[in-house]
């Protein structure tokens, strides 16, 4: 085997390993119904505050916040802080753009 073909096969294995890690991350993050509901709602509607998500999904605020934190940790959701005054700020949650593209394709196929 030449050095070039050996390097190419190592790159393929690395790409496969990173793809497997990404898929595993998605699966682990979406094992909970609350997290699935949040992700689907954010893909369909766009950025929402925790309060708006709680109302739309009729979900307990404490459960929603835990699910949002879990989704943030794995990198599926990002929070954006918006200052509305000097003393008041709101956090809006959204699906990360690269994740959103994949999830929109999946939701369209359903």
N, C-alpha and C. Protein backbone atom coordinates (compact mmCIF):
# COMPACT_ATOMS: atom_id res chain seq x y z
N UNK A 1 0.85 -1.17 0.00
CA UNK A 1 0.00 0.00 0.00
C UNK A 1 0.90 1.24 0.00
N UNK A 2 0.58 2.19 -0.86
CA UNK A 2 1.40 3.40 -0.93
C UNK A 2 1.08 4.32 0.24
N UNK A 3 1.97 5.28 0.48
CA UNK A 3 1.78 6.23 1.58
C UNK A 3 0.53 7.06 1.34
N UNK A 4 0.28 7.46 0.08
CA UNK A 4 -0.90 8.28 -0.24
C UNK A 4 -2.19 7.53 0.03
N UNK A 5 -2.28 6.28 -0.40
CA UNK A 5 -3.51 5.52 -0.19
C UNK A 5 -3.71 5.19 1.29
N UNK A 6 -2.61 4.99 2.02
CA UNK A 6 -2.72 4.76 3.46
C UNK A 6 -3.25 6.02 4.16
N UNK A 7 -2.78 7.18 3.77
CA UNK A 7 -3.25 8.44 4.34
C UNK A 7 -4.73 8.65 4.03
N UNK A 8 -5.13 8.32 2.79
CA UNK A 8 -6.54 8.45 2.41
C UNK A 8 -7.42 7.52 3.25
N UNK A 9 -6.97 6.30 3.47
CA UNK A 9 -7.79 5.37 4.25
C UNK A 9 -7.89 5.83 5.70
N UNK A 10 -6.84 6.46 6.24
CA UNK A 10 -6.91 7.00 7.60
C UNK A 10 -7.90 8.16 7.66
N UNK A 11 -7.94 9.01 6.62
CA UNK A 11 -8.89 10.13 6.59
C UNK A 11 -10.32 9.60 6.54
N UNK A 12 -10.55 8.55 5.78
CA UNK A 12 -11.89 7.96 5.70
C UNK A 12 -12.30 7.43 7.07
N UNK A 13 -11.39 6.73 7.75
CA UNK A 13 -11.70 6.21 9.08
C UNK A 13 -11.98 7.35 10.06
N UNK A 14 -11.23 8.45 9.99
CA UNK A 14 -11.47 9.60 10.86
C UNK A 14 -12.83 10.22 10.57
N UNK A 15 -13.17 10.35 9.30
CA UNK A 15 -14.47 10.91 8.94
C UNK A 15 -15.57 10.01 9.44
N UNK A 16 -15.39 8.72 9.31
CA UNK A 16 -16.39 7.78 9.80
C UNK A 16 -16.55 7.88 11.31
N UNK A 17 -15.45 8.01 12.02
CA UNK A 17 -15.49 8.11 13.48
C UNK A 17 -16.19 9.40 13.90
N UNK A 18 -15.93 10.50 13.22
CA UNK A 18 -16.59 11.76 13.58
C UNK A 18 -18.07 11.72 13.25
N UNK A 19 -18.42 11.06 12.17
CA UNK A 19 -19.83 10.91 11.81
C UNK A 19 -20.54 10.06 12.85
N UNK A 20 -19.91 9.00 13.27
CA UNK A 20 -20.49 8.13 14.30
C UNK A 20 -20.68 8.91 15.60
N UNK A 21 -19.69 9.73 15.98
CA UNK A 21 -19.81 10.54 17.18
C UNK A 21 -20.97 11.52 17.09
N UNK A 22 -21.14 12.15 15.93
CA UNK A 22 -22.22 13.11 15.73
C UNK A 22 -23.58 12.43 15.82
N UNK A 23 -23.72 11.29 15.19
CA UNK A 23 -24.98 10.54 15.24
C UNK A 23 -25.26 10.09 16.67
N UNK A 24 -24.24 9.61 17.37
CA UNK A 24 -24.41 9.18 18.75
C UNK A 24 -24.85 10.35 19.63
N UNK A 25 -24.28 11.53 19.40
CA UNK A 25 -24.65 12.72 20.16
C UNK A 25 -26.12 13.06 19.95
N UNK A 26 -26.57 13.02 18.68
CA UNK A 26 -27.98 13.27 18.37
C UNK A 26 -28.89 12.29 19.09
N UNK A 27 -28.55 11.02 19.00
CA UNK A 27 -29.39 9.98 19.60
C UNK A 27 -29.44 10.14 21.11
N UNK A 28 -28.29 10.34 21.74
CA UNK A 28 -28.26 10.50 23.19
C UNK A 28 -29.05 11.73 23.63
N UNK A 29 -28.91 12.81 22.90
CA UNK A 29 -29.59 14.06 23.27
C UNK A 29 -31.10 13.96 23.10
N UNK A 30 -31.54 13.11 22.19
CA UNK A 30 -32.97 13.05 21.89
C UNK A 30 -33.66 11.82 22.50
N UNK A 31 -33.10 11.29 23.56
CA UNK A 31 -33.71 10.14 24.23
C UNK A 31 -34.91 10.54 25.09
N UNK A 32 -35.00 11.80 25.42
CA UNK A 32 -36.05 12.29 26.30
C UNK A 32 -37.14 12.97 25.47
N UNK A 33 -38.40 12.68 25.76
CA UNK A 33 -39.51 13.28 25.01
C UNK A 33 -39.52 14.80 25.09
N UNK A 34 -39.18 15.35 26.25
CA UNK A 34 -39.17 16.80 26.40
C UNK A 34 -38.15 17.44 25.46
N UNK A 35 -36.98 16.85 25.36
CA UNK A 35 -35.95 17.39 24.47
C UNK A 35 -36.37 17.28 23.01
N UNK A 36 -37.02 16.18 22.66
CA UNK A 36 -37.50 16.03 21.28
C UNK A 36 -38.53 17.10 20.96
N UNK A 37 -39.48 17.32 21.87
CA UNK A 37 -40.50 18.35 21.65
C UNK A 37 -39.88 19.73 21.48
N UNK A 38 -38.90 20.05 22.30
CA UNK A 38 -38.23 21.35 22.22
C UNK A 38 -37.53 21.51 20.88
N UNK A 39 -36.79 20.51 20.48
CA UNK A 39 -36.05 20.58 19.21
C UNK A 39 -37.02 20.75 18.04
N UNK A 40 -38.07 19.96 17.99
CA UNK A 40 -39.03 20.05 16.89
C UNK A 40 -39.67 21.44 16.86
N UNK A 41 -40.05 21.96 18.02
CA UNK A 41 -40.68 23.29 18.07
C UNK A 41 -39.73 24.38 17.61
N UNK A 42 -38.48 24.31 18.04
CA UNK A 42 -37.50 25.33 17.62
C UNK A 42 -37.19 25.25 16.13
N UNK A 43 -37.18 24.05 15.57
CA UNK A 43 -36.95 23.90 14.13
C UNK A 43 -38.13 24.50 13.36
N UNK A 44 -39.34 24.22 13.81
CA UNK A 44 -40.53 24.69 13.10
C UNK A 44 -40.78 26.18 13.26
N UNK A 45 -40.59 26.71 14.48
CA UNK A 45 -40.98 28.09 14.77
C UNK A 45 -39.80 29.06 14.74
N UNK A 46 -38.65 28.61 15.18
CA UNK A 46 -37.50 29.50 15.28
C UNK A 46 -37.23 29.87 16.72
N UNK A 47 -36.41 30.90 16.94
CA UNK A 47 -36.00 31.26 18.30
C UNK A 47 -37.20 31.59 19.20
N UNK A 48 -37.15 31.05 20.42
CA UNK A 48 -38.20 31.30 21.41
C UNK A 48 -37.58 31.44 22.79
N UNK A 49 -38.24 32.17 23.66
CA UNK A 49 -37.81 32.25 25.05
C UNK A 49 -38.26 30.98 25.77
N UNK A 50 -37.68 30.75 26.94
CA UNK A 50 -38.08 29.58 27.73
C UNK A 50 -39.56 29.69 28.11
N UNK A 51 -40.00 30.88 28.44
CA UNK A 51 -41.41 31.06 28.81
C UNK A 51 -42.33 30.73 27.63
N UNK A 52 -41.98 31.20 26.43
CA UNK A 52 -42.80 30.91 25.25
C UNK A 52 -42.80 29.41 24.95
N UNK A 53 -41.64 28.78 25.06
CA UNK A 53 -41.57 27.33 24.84
C UNK A 53 -42.42 26.58 25.86
N UNK A 54 -42.34 27.01 27.11
CA UNK A 54 -43.11 26.37 28.17
C UNK A 54 -44.61 26.45 27.89
N UNK A 55 -45.07 27.59 27.45
CA UNK A 55 -46.49 27.76 27.12
C UNK A 55 -46.89 26.95 25.90
N UNK A 56 -46.09 27.03 24.84
CA UNK A 56 -46.43 26.34 23.59
C UNK A 56 -46.48 24.83 23.78
N UNK A 57 -45.55 24.32 24.58
CA UNK A 57 -45.46 22.87 24.77
C UNK A 57 -46.24 22.38 25.99
N UNK A 58 -46.80 23.34 26.73
CA UNK A 58 -47.52 23.01 27.98
C UNK A 58 -46.64 22.13 28.87
N UNK A 59 -45.42 22.62 29.08
CA UNK A 59 -44.43 21.86 29.82
C UNK A 59 -44.05 22.62 31.09
N UNK A 60 -43.86 21.87 32.16
CA UNK A 60 -43.39 22.43 33.41
C UNK A 60 -42.10 23.21 33.18
N UNK A 61 -42.02 24.41 33.74
CA UNK A 61 -40.88 25.30 33.50
C UNK A 61 -39.56 24.67 33.97
N UNK A 62 -39.59 23.99 35.12
CA UNK A 62 -38.38 23.37 35.65
C UNK A 62 -37.89 22.26 34.71
N UNK A 63 -38.80 21.44 34.23
CA UNK A 63 -38.44 20.36 33.30
C UNK A 63 -37.90 20.93 31.99
N UNK A 64 -38.54 22.00 31.51
CA UNK A 64 -38.11 22.64 30.27
C UNK A 64 -36.68 23.19 30.41
N UNK A 65 -36.41 23.88 31.51
CA UNK A 65 -35.07 24.45 31.70
C UNK A 65 -33.99 23.38 31.77
N UNK A 66 -34.29 22.26 32.42
CA UNK A 66 -33.31 21.17 32.47
C UNK A 66 -33.06 20.62 31.06
N UNK A 67 -34.12 20.43 30.31
CA UNK A 67 -33.97 19.91 28.94
C UNK A 67 -33.19 20.90 28.07
N UNK A 68 -33.46 22.19 28.21
CA UNK A 68 -32.72 23.20 27.44
C UNK A 68 -31.24 23.18 27.80
N UNK A 69 -30.93 23.08 29.09
CA UNK A 69 -29.52 23.01 29.50
C UNK A 69 -28.83 21.78 28.91
N UNK A 70 -29.53 20.64 28.94
CA UNK A 70 -28.97 19.41 28.37
C UNK A 70 -28.70 19.57 26.87
N UNK A 71 -29.63 20.18 26.16
CA UNK A 71 -29.46 20.39 24.72
C UNK A 71 -28.34 21.38 24.42
N UNK A 72 -28.16 22.36 25.30
CA UNK A 72 -27.05 23.31 25.13
C UNK A 72 -25.70 22.62 25.33
N UNK A 73 -25.63 21.76 26.33
CA UNK A 73 -24.37 21.07 26.65
C UNK A 73 -23.90 20.22 25.48
N UNK A 74 -24.82 19.52 24.83
CA UNK A 74 -24.42 18.67 23.70
C UNK A 74 -24.26 19.44 22.41
N UNK A 75 -24.65 20.70 22.40
CA UNK A 75 -24.41 21.53 21.22
C UNK A 75 -25.52 21.56 20.19
N UNK A 76 -26.72 21.14 20.56
CA UNK A 76 -27.83 21.19 19.61
C UNK A 76 -28.55 22.54 19.65
N UNK A 77 -28.57 23.15 20.83
CA UNK A 77 -29.30 24.41 21.03
C UNK A 77 -28.32 25.46 21.53
N UNK A 78 -28.57 26.70 21.11
CA UNK A 78 -27.77 27.81 21.61
C UNK A 78 -28.71 28.86 22.20
N UNK A 79 -28.23 29.53 23.23
CA UNK A 79 -29.01 30.59 23.87
C UNK A 79 -28.39 31.92 23.50
N UNK A 80 -29.26 32.88 23.16
CA UNK A 80 -28.82 34.23 22.84
C UNK A 80 -29.44 35.16 23.85
N UNK A 81 -28.61 35.94 24.51
CA UNK A 81 -29.08 36.88 25.51
C UNK A 81 -29.35 38.22 24.83
N UNK A 82 -30.56 38.75 25.02
CA UNK A 82 -30.95 40.02 24.42
C UNK A 82 -31.26 40.99 25.55
N UNK A 83 -30.51 42.07 25.62
CA UNK A 83 -30.74 43.10 26.63
C UNK A 83 -31.85 44.02 26.16
N UNK A 84 -32.94 44.07 26.91
CA UNK A 84 -34.06 44.94 26.55
C UNK A 84 -34.01 46.26 27.32
N UNK A 85 -33.25 46.28 28.39
CA UNK A 85 -32.98 47.51 29.13
C UNK A 85 -31.71 47.26 29.94
N UNK A 86 -31.30 48.27 30.70
CA UNK A 86 -30.08 48.11 31.49
C UNK A 86 -30.21 47.02 32.55
N UNK A 87 -31.41 46.85 33.05
CA UNK A 87 -31.61 45.89 34.13
C UNK A 87 -32.34 44.62 33.72
N UNK A 88 -32.73 44.52 32.47
CA UNK A 88 -33.51 43.36 32.04
C UNK A 88 -32.95 42.76 30.76
N UNK A 89 -32.84 41.43 30.77
CA UNK A 89 -32.37 40.70 29.60
C UNK A 89 -33.20 39.43 29.43
N UNK A 90 -33.40 39.05 28.21
CA UNK A 90 -34.12 37.82 27.89
C UNK A 90 -33.18 36.86 27.19
N UNK A 91 -33.41 35.57 27.39
CA UNK A 91 -32.65 34.54 26.68
C UNK A 91 -33.59 33.89 25.68
N UNK A 92 -33.14 33.85 24.45
CA UNK A 92 -33.88 33.17 23.40
C UNK A 92 -33.08 31.94 22.98
N UNK A 93 -33.78 30.85 22.77
CA UNK A 93 -33.15 29.59 22.41
C UNK A 93 -33.42 29.28 20.96
N UNK A 94 -32.41 28.74 20.30
CA UNK A 94 -32.53 28.38 18.90
C UNK A 94 -31.67 27.16 18.62
N UNK A 95 -32.04 26.43 17.58
CA UNK A 95 -31.24 25.30 17.12
C UNK A 95 -30.01 25.87 16.40
N UNK A 96 -28.86 25.27 16.64
CA UNK A 96 -27.65 25.72 15.93
C UNK A 96 -27.84 25.53 14.44
N UNK A 97 -27.34 26.47 13.62
CA UNK A 97 -27.61 26.45 12.18
C UNK A 97 -27.25 25.14 11.48
N UNK A 98 -26.09 24.57 11.76
CA UNK A 98 -25.70 23.34 11.08
C UNK A 98 -26.59 22.16 11.48
N UNK A 99 -27.05 22.16 12.72
CA UNK A 99 -27.95 21.12 13.19
C UNK A 99 -29.34 21.31 12.58
N UNK A 100 -29.75 22.57 12.46
CA UNK A 100 -31.08 22.88 11.93
C UNK A 100 -31.26 22.37 10.50
N UNK A 101 -30.23 22.49 9.69
CA UNK A 101 -30.30 22.02 8.30
C UNK A 101 -30.62 20.53 8.26
N UNK A 102 -29.93 19.77 9.06
CA UNK A 102 -30.13 18.31 9.10
C UNK A 102 -31.53 17.98 9.62
N UNK A 103 -31.93 18.65 10.69
CA UNK A 103 -33.23 18.36 11.29
C UNK A 103 -34.38 18.77 10.38
N UNK A 104 -34.25 19.87 9.64
CA UNK A 104 -35.30 20.27 8.68
C UNK A 104 -35.49 19.22 7.61
N UNK A 105 -34.38 18.64 7.13
CA UNK A 105 -34.51 17.59 6.12
C UNK A 105 -35.22 16.37 6.70
N UNK A 106 -34.92 16.02 7.93
CA UNK A 106 -35.57 14.87 8.56
C UNK A 106 -37.06 15.15 8.75
N UNK A 107 -37.40 16.34 9.24
CA UNK A 107 -38.80 16.67 9.48
C UNK A 107 -39.61 16.75 8.18
N UNK A 108 -38.97 17.21 7.10
CA UNK A 108 -39.67 17.27 5.81
C UNK A 108 -40.02 15.89 5.29
N UNK A 109 -39.18 14.91 5.62
CA UNK A 109 -39.41 13.56 5.13
C UNK A 109 -40.51 12.83 5.90
N UNK A 110 -40.94 13.39 7.03
CA UNK A 110 -41.99 12.74 7.85
C UNK A 110 -43.37 13.08 7.30
